[in-house]
Amino acid sequence: MHSPGMNRVAFKMKLKPGQTAEYKRRHDHLWPELKQLLKATGIQDYSIFLDEETKMLIGIFKIENQKKLDDLPHHPVMKKWWSYMHDIMETNQDHSPVSIPLQEVFYLP
């Protein structure tokens, strides 16, 4: 259920060809310290979907205070995860994923 104080965030990233199984494997074994960081930031109901045809990853989560997301890129665990993932997806120079915000055009609560 969509709580009044919750913001829903969606974004897209791109997986490199042939990396679907590896991407899933790495997320199936998400580091406990990263999971704890995301939860401590207030991220809830986080899902990532893959369009196998285009290799586009669509991330969706809920968070009460979106300003808390600004701290994630500076956290050592986040930087370590990005370095771990940069070989299988499109990334920026700092190894962060190229992440494009998506605009919500419909919502059925």
PDB file of N, CA and C in Angstrom:
ATOM      1  N   MET A   1       0.835  -1.177   0.000  1.00  0.00           N
ATOM      2  CA  MET A   1       0.000   0.000   0.000  1.00  0.00           C
ATOM      3  C   MET A   1       0.883   1.246   0.000  1.00  0.00           C
ATOM      4  N   HIS A   2       0.488   2.234  -0.717  1.00  0.00           N
ATOM      5  CA  HIS A   2       1.246   3.481  -0.868  1.00  0.00           C
ATOM      6  C   HIS A   2       0.951   4.399   0.311  1.00  0.00           C
ATOM      7  N   SER A   3       1.937   4.546   1.207  1.00  0.00           N
ATOM      8  CA  SER A   3       1.778   5.433   2.355  1.00  0.00           C
ATOM      9  C   SER A   3       1.929   6.877   1.902  1.00  0.00           C
ATOM     10  N   PRO A   4       1.204   7.815   2.542  1.00  0.00           N
ATOM     11  CA  PRO A   4       1.283   9.216   2.133  1.00  0.00           C
ATOM     12  C   PRO A   4       2.698   9.780   2.188  1.00  0.00           C
ATOM     13  N   GLY A   5       3.511   9.357   3.172  1.00  0.00           N
ATOM     14  CA  GLY A   5       4.856   9.887   3.316  1.00  0.00           C
ATOM     15  C   GLY A   5       5.888   9.203   2.446  1.00  0.00           C
ATOM     16  N   MET A   6       5.489   8.177   1.740  1.00  0.00           N
ATOM     17  CA  MET A   6       6.441   7.406   0.935  1.00  0.00           C
ATOM     18  C   MET A   6       6.536   7.947  -0.485  1.00  0.00           C
ATOM     19  N   ASN A   7       7.753   8.014  -0.973  1.00  0.00           N
ATOM     20  CA  ASN A   7       8.014   8.373  -2.364  1.00  0.00           C
ATOM     21  C   ASN A   7       8.413   7.102  -3.097  1.00  0.00           C
ATOM     22  N   ARG A   8       7.894   6.940  -4.289  1.00  0.00           N
ATOM     23  CA  ARG A   8       8.296   5.805  -5.111  1.00  0.00           C
ATOM     24  C   ARG A   8       9.309   6.324  -6.125  1.00  0.00           C
ATOM     25  N   VAL A   9      10.419   5.623  -6.244  1.00  0.00           N
ATOM     26  CA  VAL A   9      11.517   6.028  -7.116  1.00  0.00           C
ATOM     27  C   VAL A   9      11.732   4.937  -8.153  1.00  0.00           C
ATOM     28  N   ALA A  10      11.874   5.325  -9.409  1.00  0.00           N
ATOM     29  CA  ALA A  10      12.168   4.373 -10.475  1.00  0.00           C
ATOM     30  C   ALA A  10      13.292   4.932 -11.343  1.00  0.00           C
ATOM     31  N   PHE A  11      14.130   4.033 -11.840  1.00  0.00           N
ATOM     32  CA  PHE A  11      15.268   4.443 -12.654  1.00  0.00           C
ATOM     33  C   PHE A  11      15.654   3.288 -13.558  1.00  0.00           C
ATOM     34  N   LYS A  12      16.456   3.612 -14.588  1.00  0.00           N
ATOM     35  CA  LYS A  12      16.933   2.549 -15.471  1.00  0.00           C
ATOM     36  C   LYS A  12      18.452   2.576 -15.553  1.00  0.00           C
ATOM     37  N   MET A  13      18.993   1.384 -15.769  1.00  0.00           N
ATOM     38  CA  MET A  13      20.432   1.185 -15.945  1.00  0.00           C
ATOM     39  C   MET A  13      20.574   0.196 -17.103  1.00  0.00           C
ATOM     40  N   LYS A  14      21.782  -0.051 -17.558  1.00  0.00           N
ATOM     41  CA  LYS A  14      21.957  -0.976 -18.674  1.00  0.00           C
ATOM     42  C   LYS A  14      23.003  -2.035 -18.355  1.00  0.00           C
ATOM     43  N   LEU A  15      22.603  -3.270 -18.591  1.00  0.00           N
ATOM     44  CA  LEU A  15      23.470  -4.427 -18.391  1.00  0.00           C
ATOM     45  C   LEU A  15      24.246  -4.702 -19.678  1.00  0.00           C
ATOM     46  N   LYS A  16      25.485  -5.121 -19.547  1.00  0.00           N
ATOM     47  CA  LYS A  16      26.259  -5.490 -20.728  1.00  0.00           C
ATOM     48  C   LYS A  16      25.751  -6.847 -21.240  1.00  0.00           C
ATOM     49  N   PRO A  17      25.821  -7.064 -22.562  1.00  0.00           N
ATOM     50  CA  PRO A  17      25.342  -8.335 -23.128  1.00  0.00           C
ATOM     51  C   PRO A  17      26.037  -9.542 -22.494  1.00  0.00           C
ATOM     52  N   GLY A  18      25.275 -10.597 -22.291  1.00  0.00           N
ATOM     53  CA  GLY A  18      25.819 -11.844 -21.760  1.00  0.00           C
ATOM     54  C   GLY A  18      26.033 -11.847 -20.257  1.00  0.00           C
ATOM     55  N   GLN A  19      25.557 -10.819 -19.551  1.00  0.00           N
ATOM     56  CA  GLN A  19      25.839 -10.702 -18.117  1.00  0.00           C
ATOM     57  C   GLN A  19      24.612 -10.933 -17.230  1.00  0.00           C
ATOM     58  N   THR A  20      23.508 -11.392 -17.797  1.00  0.00           N
ATOM     59  CA  THR A  20      22.289 -11.571 -17.017  1.00  0.00           C
ATOM     60  C   THR A  20      22.489 -12.515 -15.838  1.00  0.00           C
ATOM     61  N   ALA A  21      23.034 -13.688 -16.095  1.00  0.00           N
ATOM     62  CA  ALA A  21      23.211 -14.681 -15.028  1.00  0.00           C
ATOM     63  C   ALA A  21      24.160 -14.162 -13.948  1.00  0.00           C
ATOM     64  N   GLU A  22      25.224 -13.482 -14.350  1.00  0.00           N
ATOM     65  CA  GLU A  22      26.184 -12.958 -13.381  1.00  0.00           C
ATOM     66  C   GLU A  22      25.569 -11.838 -12.547  1.00  0.00           C
ATOM     67  N   TYR A  23      24.793 -10.970 -13.172  1.00  0.00           N
ATOM     68  CA  TYR A  23      24.125  -9.891 -12.446  1.00  0.00           C
ATOM     69  C   TYR A  23      23.186 -10.478 -11.394  1.00  0.00           C
ATOM     70  N   LYS A  24      22.401 -11.465 -11.792  1.00  0.00           N
ATOM     71  CA  LYS A  24      21.476 -12.102 -10.861  1.00  0.00           C
ATOM     72  C   LYS A  24      22.244 -12.800  -9.733  1.00  0.00           C
ATOM     73  N   ARG A  25      23.325 -13.500 -10.084  1.00  0.00           N
ATOM     74  CA  ARG A  25      24.126 -14.206  -9.064  1.00  0.00           C
ATOM     75  C   ARG A  25      24.660 -13.226  -8.023  1.00  0.00           C
ATOM     76  N   ARG A  26      25.186 -12.100  -8.475  1.00  0.00           N
ATOM     77  CA  ARG A  26      25.750 -11.124  -7.540  1.00  0.00           C
ATOM     78  C   ARG A  26      24.665 -10.539  -6.632  1.00  0.00           C
ATOM     79  N   HIS A  27      23.478 -10.327  -7.168  1.00  0.00           N
ATOM     80  CA  HIS A  27      22.395  -9.788  -6.338  1.00  0.00           C
ATOM     81  C   HIS A  27      21.780 -10.852  -5.428  1.00  0.00           C
ATOM     82  N   ASP A  28      21.830 -12.105  -5.852  1.00  0.00           N
ATOM     83  CA  ASP A  28      21.359 -13.202  -4.985  1.00  0.00           C
ATOM     84  C   ASP A  28      22.237 -13.316  -3.744  1.00  0.00           C
ATOM     85  N   HIS A  29      23.467 -12.836  -3.858  1.00  0.00           N
ATOM     86  CA  HIS A  29      24.431 -12.881  -2.750  1.00  0.00           C
ATOM     87  C   HIS A  29      24.796 -11.455  -2.316  1.00  0.00           C
ATOM     88  N   LEU A  30      23.778 -10.593  -2.264  1.00  0.00           N
ATOM     89  CA  LEU A  30      23.997  -9.202  -1.865  1.00  0.00           C
ATOM     90  C   LEU A  30      24.706  -9.148  -0.518  1.00  0.00           C
ATOM     91  N   TRP A  31      25.737  -8.341  -0.439  1.00  0.00           N
ATOM     92  CA  TRP A  31      26.516  -8.233   0.790  1.00  0.00           C
ATOM     93  C   TRP A  31      25.623  -7.772   1.942  1.00  0.00           C
ATOM     94  N   PRO A  32      25.726  -8.398   3.104  1.00  0.00           N
ATOM     95  CA  PRO A  32      24.922  -7.972   4.265  1.00  0.00           C
ATOM     96  C   PRO A  32      25.139  -6.510   4.632  1.00  0.00           C
ATOM     97  N   GLU A  33      26.371  -6.020   4.503  1.00  0.00           N
ATOM     98  CA  GLU A  33      26.635  -4.624   4.862  1.00  0.00           C
ATOM     99  C   GLU A  33      25.977  -3.656   3.875  1.00  0.00           C
ATOM    100  N   LEU A  34      25.820  -4.061   2.612  1.00  0.00           N
ATOM    101  CA  LEU A  34      25.123  -3.220   1.639  1.00  0.00           C
ATOM    102  C   LEU A  34      23.621  -3.255   1.908  1.00  0.00           C
ATOM    103  N   LYS A  35      23.102  -4.424   2.181  1.00  0.00           N
ATOM    104  CA  LYS A  35      21.678  -4.552   2.514  1.00  0.00           C
ATOM    105  C   LYS A  35      21.345  -3.682   3.721  1.00  0.00           C
ATOM    106  N   GLN A  36      22.199  -3.701   4.730  1.00  0.00           N
ATOM    107  CA  GLN A  36      21.980  -2.911   5.941  1.00  0.00           C
ATOM    108  C   GLN A  36      22.029  -1.415   5.625  1.00  0.00           C
ATOM    109  N   LEU A  37      22.971  -1.004   4.773  1.00  0.00           N
ATOM    110  CA  LEU A  37      23.086   0.404   4.387  1.00  0.00           C
ATOM    111  C   LEU A  37      21.825   0.878   3.668  1.00  0.00           C
ATOM    112  N   LEU A  38      21.336   0.087   2.726  1.00  0.00           N
ATOM    113  CA  LEU A  38      20.133   0.472   1.980  1.00  0.00           C
ATOM    114  C   LEU A  38      18.931   0.594   2.914  1.00  0.00           C
ATOM    115  N   LYS A  39      18.786  -0.356   3.823  1.00  0.00           N
ATOM    116  CA  LYS A  39      17.671  -0.314   4.773  1.00  0.00           C
ATOM    117  C   LYS A  39      17.822   0.872   5.738  1.00  0.00           C
ATOM    118  N   ALA A  40      19.054   1.143   6.192  1.00  0.00           N
ATOM    119  CA  ALA A  40      19.298   2.265   7.099  1.00  0.00           C
ATOM    120  C   ALA A  40      19.009   3.603   6.407  1.00  0.00           C
ATOM    121  N   THR A  41      19.173   3.640   5.097  1.00  0.00           N
ATOM    122  CA  THR A  41      18.871   4.840   4.319  1.00  0.00           C
ATOM    123  C   THR A  41      17.358   5.045   4.203  1.00  0.00           C
ATOM    124  N   GLY A  42      16.604   3.979   4.431  1.00  0.00           N
ATOM    125  CA  GLY A  42      15.144   4.069   4.367  1.00  0.00           C
ATOM    126  C   GLY A  42      14.547   3.454   3.120  1.00  0.00           C
ATOM    127  N   ILE A  43      15.362   2.765   2.338  1.00  0.00           N
ATOM    128  CA  ILE A  43      14.876   2.135   1.114  1.00  0.00           C
ATOM    129  C   ILE A  43      14.048   0.899   1.475  1.00  0.00           C
ATOM    130  N   GLN A  44      12.859   0.814   0.874  1.00  0.00           N
ATOM    131  CA  GLN A  44      11.944  -0.309   1.104  1.00  0.00           C
ATOM    132  C   GLN A  44      11.410  -0.827  -0.231  1.00  0.00           C
ATOM    133  N   ASP A  45      10.959  -2.062  -0.223  1.00  0.00           N
ATOM    134  CA  ASP A  45      10.313  -2.658  -1.411  1.00  0.00           C
ATOM    135  C   ASP A  45      11.141  -2.435  -2.679  1.00  0.00           C
ATOM    136  N   TYR A  46      12.432  -2.734  -2.614  1.00  0.00           N
ATOM    137  CA  TYR A  46      13.351  -2.497  -3.725  1.00  0.00           C
ATOM    138  C   TYR A  46      13.329  -3.702  -4.662  1.00  0.00           C
ATOM    139  N   SER A  47      13.035  -3.450  -5.922  1.00  0.00           N
ATOM    140  CA  SER A  47      13.057  -4.485  -6.954  1.00  0.00           C
ATOM    141  C   SER A  47      13.846  -3.976  -8.151  1.00  0.00           C
ATOM    142  N   ILE A  48      14.476  -4.906  -8.859  1.00  0.00           N
ATOM    143  CA  ILE A  48      15.122  -4.589 -10.128  1.00  0.00           C
ATOM    144  C   ILE A  48      14.597  -5.588 -11.145  1.00  0.00           C
ATOM    145  N   PHE A  49      14.088  -5.063 -12.264  1.00  0.00           N
ATOM    146  CA  PHE A  49      13.564  -5.892 -13.338  1.00  0.00           C
ATOM    147  C   PHE A  49      14.488  -5.760 -14.545  1.00  0.00           C
ATOM    148  N   LEU A  50      14.562  -6.809 -15.351  1.00  0.00           N
ATOM    149  CA  LEU A  50      15.392  -6.805 -16.549  1.00  0.00           C
ATOM    150  C   LEU A  50      14.533  -6.989 -17.789  1.00  0.00           C
ATOM    151  N   ASP A  51      14.728  -6.118 -18.774  1.00  0.00           N
ATOM    152  CA  ASP A  51      14.180  -6.327 -20.110  1.00  0.00           C
ATOM    153  C   ASP A  51      15.279  -7.062 -20.872  1.00  0.00           C
ATOM    154  N   GLU A  52      15.123  -8.357 -21.026  1.00  0.00           N
ATOM    155  CA  GLU A  52      16.160  -9.202 -21.625  1.00  0.00           C
ATOM    156  C   GLU A  52      16.508  -8.765 -23.051  1.00  0.00           C
ATOM    157  N   GLU A  53      15.535  -8.261 -23.783  1.00  0.00           N
ATOM    158  CA  GLU A  53      15.756  -7.853 -25.173  1.00  0.00           C
ATOM    159  C   GLU A  53      16.683  -6.642 -25.281  1.00  0.00           C
ATOM    160  N   THR A  54      16.465  -5.640 -24.429  1.00  0.00           N
ATOM    161  CA  THR A  54      17.261  -4.408 -24.512  1.00  0.00           C
ATOM    162  C   THR A  54      18.395  -4.360 -23.487  1.00  0.00           C
ATOM    163  N   LYS A  55      18.381  -5.288 -22.522  1.00  0.00           N
ATOM    164  CA  LYS A  55      19.348  -5.326 -21.414  1.00  0.00           C
ATOM    165  C   LYS A  55      19.167  -4.149 -20.454  1.00  0.00           C
ATOM    166  N   MET A  56      17.993  -3.512 -20.522  1.00  0.00           N
ATOM    167  CA  MET A  56      17.699  -2.411 -19.597  1.00  0.00           C
ATOM    168  C   MET A  56      17.237  -2.989 -18.267  1.00  0.00           C
ATOM    169  N   LEU A  57      17.819  -2.471 -17.198  1.00  0.00           N
ATOM    170  CA  LEU A  57      17.433  -2.815 -15.834  1.00  0.00           C
ATOM    171  C   LEU A  57      16.543  -1.686 -15.319  1.00  0.00           C
ATOM    172  N   ILE A  58      15.429  -2.031 -14.718  1.00  0.00           N
ATOM    173  CA  ILE A  58      14.511  -1.038 -14.157  1.00  0.00           C
ATOM    174  C   ILE A  58      14.461  -1.255 -12.656  1.00  0.00           C
ATOM    175  N   GLY A  59      14.921  -0.280 -11.905  1.00  0.00           N
ATOM    176  CA  GLY A  59      14.905  -0.339 -10.448  1.00  0.00           C
ATOM    177  C   GLY A  59      13.743   0.458  -9.902  1.00  0.00           C
ATOM    178  N   ILE A  60      13.084  -0.079  -8.894  1.00  0.00           N
ATOM    179  CA  ILE A  60      11.949   0.592  -8.265  1.00  0.00           C
ATOM    180  C   ILE A  60      12.049   0.369  -6.761  1.00  0.00           C
ATOM    181  N   PHE A  61      11.898   1.443  -5.984  1.00  0.00           N
ATOM    182  CA  PHE A  61      11.854   1.294  -4.532  1.00  0.00           C
ATOM    183  C   PHE A  61      11.035   2.417  -3.916  1.00  0.00           C
ATOM    184  N   LYS A  62      10.768   2.273  -2.633  1.00  0.00           N
ATOM    185  CA  LYS A  62      10.061   3.303  -1.871  1.00  0.00           C
ATOM    186  C   LYS A  62      11.024   3.858  -0.829  1.00  0.00           C
ATOM    187  N   ILE A  63      10.880   5.156  -0.569  1.00  0.00           N
ATOM    188  CA  ILE A  63      11.686   5.806   0.466  1.00  0.00           C
ATOM    189  C   ILE A  63      10.908   7.010   0.985  1.00  0.00           C
ATOM    190  N   GLU A  64      10.975   7.228   2.277  1.00  0.00           N
ATOM    191  CA  GLU A  64      10.253   8.358   2.861  1.00  0.00           C
ATOM    192  C   GLU A  64      10.967   9.679   2.578  1.00  0.00           C
ATOM    193  N   ASN A  65      12.279   9.709   2.817  1.00  0.00           N
ATOM    194  CA  ASN A  65      13.049  10.939   2.662  1.00  0.00           C
ATOM    195  C   ASN A  65      14.078  10.759   1.534  1.00  0.00           C
ATOM    196  N   GLN A  66      13.757  11.267   0.356  1.00  0.00           N
ATOM    197  CA  GLN A  66      14.637  11.088  -0.792  1.00  0.00           C
ATOM    198  C   GLN A  66      15.984  11.784  -0.622  1.00  0.00           C
ATOM    199  N   LYS A  67      16.065  12.787   0.236  1.00  0.00           N
ATOM    200  CA  LYS A  67      17.339  13.485   0.467  1.00  0.00           C
ATOM    201  C   LYS A  67      18.399  12.541   1.035  1.00  0.00           C
ATOM    202  N   LYS A  68      17.966  11.485   1.728  1.00  0.00           N
ATOM    203  CA  LYS A  68      18.921  10.512   2.283  1.00  0.00           C
ATOM    204  C   LYS A  68      19.685   9.782   1.185  1.00  0.00           C
ATOM    205  N   LEU A  69      19.133   9.742  -0.028  1.00  0.00           N
ATOM    206  CA  LEU A  69      19.812   9.082  -1.144  1.00  0.00           C
ATOM    207  C   LEU A  69      21.091   9.813  -1.529  1.00  0.00           C
ATOM    208  N   ASP A  70      21.168  11.109  -1.233  1.00  0.00           N
ATOM    209  CA  ASP A  70      22.342  11.911  -1.588  1.00  0.00           C
ATOM    210  C   ASP A  70      23.610  11.433  -0.891  1.00  0.00           C
ATOM    211  N   ASP A  71      23.471  10.774   0.254  1.00  0.00           N
ATOM    212  CA  ASP A  71      24.640  10.308   0.998  1.00  0.00           C
ATOM    213  C   ASP A  71      25.201   8.981   0.476  1.00  0.00           C
ATOM    214  N   LEU A  72      24.377   8.194  -0.205  1.00  0.00           N
ATOM    215  CA  LEU A  72      24.816   6.871  -0.650  1.00  0.00           C
ATOM    216  C   LEU A  72      26.085   6.872  -1.500  1.00  0.00           C
ATOM    217  N   PRO A  73      26.231   7.766  -2.478  1.00  0.00           N
ATOM    218  CA  PRO A  73      27.427   7.721  -3.324  1.00  0.00           C
ATOM    219  C   PRO A  73      28.738   7.942  -2.563  1.00  0.00           C
ATOM    220  N   HIS A  74      28.658   8.496  -1.354  1.00  0.00           N
ATOM    221  CA  HIS A  74      29.870   8.793  -0.582  1.00  0.00           C
ATOM    222  C   HIS A  74      30.209   7.675   0.399  1.00  0.00           C
ATOM    223  N   HIS A  75      29.349   6.695   0.529  1.00  0.00           N
ATOM    224  CA  HIS A  75      29.552   5.628   1.504  1.00  0.00           C
ATOM    225  C   HIS A  75      30.529   4.589   0.952  1.00  0.00           C
ATOM    226  N   PRO A  76      31.538   4.185   1.737  1.00  0.00           N
ATOM    227  CA  PRO A  76      32.543   3.211   1.262  1.00  0.00           C
ATOM    228  C   PRO A  76      31.942   1.903   0.749  1.00  0.00           C
ATOM    229  N   VAL A  77      30.898   1.400   1.389  1.00  0.00           N
ATOM    230  CA  VAL A  77      30.286   0.138   0.942  1.00  0.00           C
ATOM    231  C   VAL A  77      29.650   0.313  -0.442  1.00  0.00           C
ATOM    232  N   MET A  78      29.025   1.457  -0.668  1.00  0.00           N
ATOM    233  CA  MET A  78      28.408   1.715  -1.972  1.00  0.00           C
ATOM    234  C   MET A  78      29.483   1.793  -3.054  1.00  0.00           C
ATOM    235  N   LYS A  79      30.587   2.498  -2.762  1.00  0.00           N
ATOM    236  CA  LYS A  79      31.690   2.611  -3.723  1.00  0.00           C
ATOM    237  C   LYS A  79      32.293   1.236  -4.025  1.00  0.00           C
ATOM    238  N   LYS A  80      32.419   0.418  -3.003  1.00  0.00           N
ATOM    239  CA  LYS A  80      32.964  -0.939  -3.171  1.00  0.00           C
ATOM    240  C   LYS A  80      32.033  -1.776  -4.060  1.00  0.00           C
ATOM    241  N   TRP A  81      30.705  -1.662  -3.841  1.00  0.00           N
ATOM    242  CA  TRP A  81      29.735  -2.411  -4.656  1.00  0.00           C
ATOM    243  C   TRP A  81      29.813  -1.961  -6.116  1.00  0.00           C
ATOM    244  N   TRP A  82      29.906  -0.648  -6.344  1.00  0.00           N
ATOM    245  CA  TRP A  82      29.999  -0.147  -7.712  1.00  0.00           C
ATOM    246  C   TRP A  82      31.245  -0.676  -8.411  1.00  0.00           C
ATOM    247  N   SER A  83      32.362  -0.726  -7.697  1.00  0.00           N
ATOM    248  CA  SER A  83      33.593  -1.257  -8.288  1.00  0.00           C
ATOM    249  C   SER A  83      33.422  -2.733  -8.637  1.00  0.00           C
ATOM    250  N   TYR A  84      32.703  -3.452  -7.784  1.00  0.00           N
ATOM    251  CA  TYR A  84      32.433  -4.871  -7.992  1.00  0.00           C
ATOM    252  C   TYR A  84      31.532  -5.091  -9.213  1.00  0.00           C
ATOM    253  N   MET A  85      30.615  -4.173  -9.475  1.00  0.00           N
ATOM    254  CA  MET A  85      29.620  -4.336 -10.534  1.00  0.00           C
ATOM    255  C   MET A  85      30.003  -3.703 -11.877  1.00  0.00           C
ATOM    256  N   HIS A  86      31.011  -2.846 -11.900  1.00  0.00           N
ATOM    257  CA  HIS A  86      31.257  -2.040 -13.099  1.00  0.00           C
ATOM    258  C   HIS A  86      31.616  -2.853 -14.344  1.00  0.00           C
ATOM    259  N   ASP A  87      32.105  -4.063 -14.171  1.00  0.00           N
ATOM    260  CA  ASP A  87      32.511  -4.859 -15.335  1.00  0.00           C
ATOM    261  C   ASP A  87      31.326  -5.482 -16.077  1.00  0.00           C
ATOM    262  N   ILE A  88      30.138  -5.479 -15.482  1.00  0.00           N
ATOM    263  CA  ILE A  88      29.008  -6.144 -16.135  1.00  0.00           C
ATOM    264  C   ILE A  88      27.871  -5.183 -16.522  1.00  0.00           C
ATOM    265  N   MET A  89      28.050  -3.888 -16.251  1.00  0.00           N
ATOM    266  CA  MET A  89      27.012  -2.926 -16.611  1.00  0.00           C
ATOM    267  C   MET A  89      27.630  -1.603 -17.027  1.00  0.00           C
ATOM    268  N   GLU A  90      26.835  -0.756 -17.679  1.00  0.00           N
ATOM    269  CA  GLU A  90      27.337   0.546 -18.092  1.00  0.00           C
ATOM    270  C   GLU A  90      27.527   1.420 -16.862  1.00  0.00           C
ATOM    271  N   THR A  91      28.727   2.024 -16.748  1.00  0.00           N
ATOM    272  CA  THR A  91      29.047   2.823 -15.567  1.00  0.00           C
ATOM    273  C   THR A  91      29.689   4.153 -15.956  1.00  0.00           C
ATOM    274  N   ASN A  92      29.695   5.047 -14.979  1.00  0.00           N
ATOM    275  CA  ASN A  92      30.380   6.327 -15.092  1.00  0.00           C
ATOM    276  C   ASN A  92      31.851   6.125 -14.725  1.00  0.00           C
ATOM    277  N   GLN A  93      32.648   7.180 -14.820  1.00  0.00           N
ATOM    278  CA  GLN A  93      34.079   7.075 -14.517  1.00  0.00           C
ATOM    279  C   GLN A  93      34.350   6.645 -13.073  1.00  0.00           C
ATOM    280  N   ASP A  94      33.463   7.021 -12.152  1.00  0.00           N
ATOM    281  CA  ASP A  94      33.665   6.634 -10.747  1.00  0.00           C
ATOM    282  C   ASP A  94      33.103   5.240 -10.449  1.00  0.00           C
ATOM    283  N   HIS A  95      32.749   4.496 -11.501  1.00  0.00           N
ATOM    284  CA  HIS A  95      32.185   3.141 -11.429  1.00  0.00           C
ATOM    285  C   HIS A  95      30.724   3.108 -11.002  1.00  0.00           C
ATOM    286  N   SER A  96      30.120   4.254 -10.684  1.00  0.00           N
ATOM    287  CA  SER A  96      28.694   4.259 -10.365  1.00  0.00           C
ATOM    288  C   SER A  96      27.931   3.890 -11.636  1.00  0.00           C
ATOM    289  N   PRO A  97      26.806   3.193 -11.498  1.00  0.00           N
ATOM    290  CA  PRO A  97      26.059   2.831 -12.697  1.00  0.00           C
ATOM    291  C   PRO A  97      25.476   4.072 -13.381  1.00  0.00           C
ATOM    292  N   VAL A  98      25.434   4.033 -14.694  1.00  0.00           N
ATOM    293  CA  VAL A  98      24.708   5.069 -15.418  1.00  0.00           C
ATOM    294  C   VAL A  98      23.241   4.824 -15.079  1.00  0.00           C
ATOM    295  N   SER A  99      22.663   5.737 -14.341  1.00  0.00           N
ATOM    296  CA  SER A  99      21.308   5.573 -13.811  1.00  0.00           C
ATOM    297  C   SER A  99      20.458   6.762 -14.255  1.00  0.00           C
ATOM    298  N   ILE A 100      19.392   6.464 -14.965  1.00  0.00           N
ATOM    299  CA  ILE A 100      18.530   7.513 -15.517  1.00  0.00           C
ATOM    300  C   ILE A 100      17.183   7.466 -14.808  1.00  0.00           C
ATOM    301  N   PRO A 101      16.787   8.564 -14.144  1.00  0.00           N
ATOM    302  CA  PRO A 101      15.492   8.587 -13.458  1.00  0.00           C
ATOM    303  C   PRO A 101      14.345   8.405 -14.447  1.00  0.00           C
ATOM    304  N   LEU A 102      13.307   7.718 -14.000  1.00  0.00           N
ATOM    305  CA  LEU A 102      12.117   7.522 -14.819  1.00  0.00           C
ATOM    306  C   LEU A 102      10.967   8.340 -14.252  1.00  0.00           C
ATOM    307  N   GLN A 103      10.178   8.898 -15.134  1.00  0.00           N
ATOM    308  CA  GLN A 103       9.026   9.710 -14.748  1.00  0.00           C
ATOM    309  C   GLN A 103       7.803   8.813 -14.608  1.00  0.00           C
ATOM    310  N   GLU A 104       7.113   8.947 -13.490  1.00  0.00           N
ATOM    311  CA  GLU A 104       5.883   8.197 -13.306  1.00  0.00           C
ATOM    312  C   GLU A 104       4.777   8.824 -14.142  1.00  0.00           C
ATOM    313  N   VAL A 105       4.086   8.011 -14.932  1.00  0.00           N
ATOM    314  CA  VAL A 105       2.974   8.511 -15.746  1.00  0.00           C
ATOM    315  C   VAL A 105       1.643   7.851 -15.383  1.00  0.00           C
ATOM    316  N   PHE A 106       1.707   6.816 -14.538  1.00  0.00           N
ATOM    317  CA  PHE A 106       0.471   6.163 -14.089  1.00  0.00           C
ATOM    318  C   PHE A 106       0.757   5.403 -12.807  1.00  0.00           C
ATOM    319  N   TYR A 107      -0.203   5.414 -11.916  1.00  0.00           N
ATOM    320  CA  TYR A 107      -0.097   4.669 -10.660  1.00  0.00           C
ATOM    321  C   TYR A 107      -1.496   4.223 -10.233  1.00  0.00           C
ATOM    322  N   LEU A 108      -1.652   2.945  -9.968  1.00  0.00           N
ATOM    323  CA  LEU A 108      -2.915   2.401  -9.464  1.00  0.00           C
ATOM    324  C   LEU A 108      -2.672   1.879  -8.065  1.00  0.00           C
ATOM    325  N   PRO A 109      -3.062   2.636  -7.039  1.00  0.00           N
ATOM    326  CA  PRO A 109      -2.812   2.180  -5.656  1.00  0.00           C
ATOM    327  C   PRO A 109      -3.708   1.012  -5.268  1.00  0.00           C
TER     328      PRO A 109
END
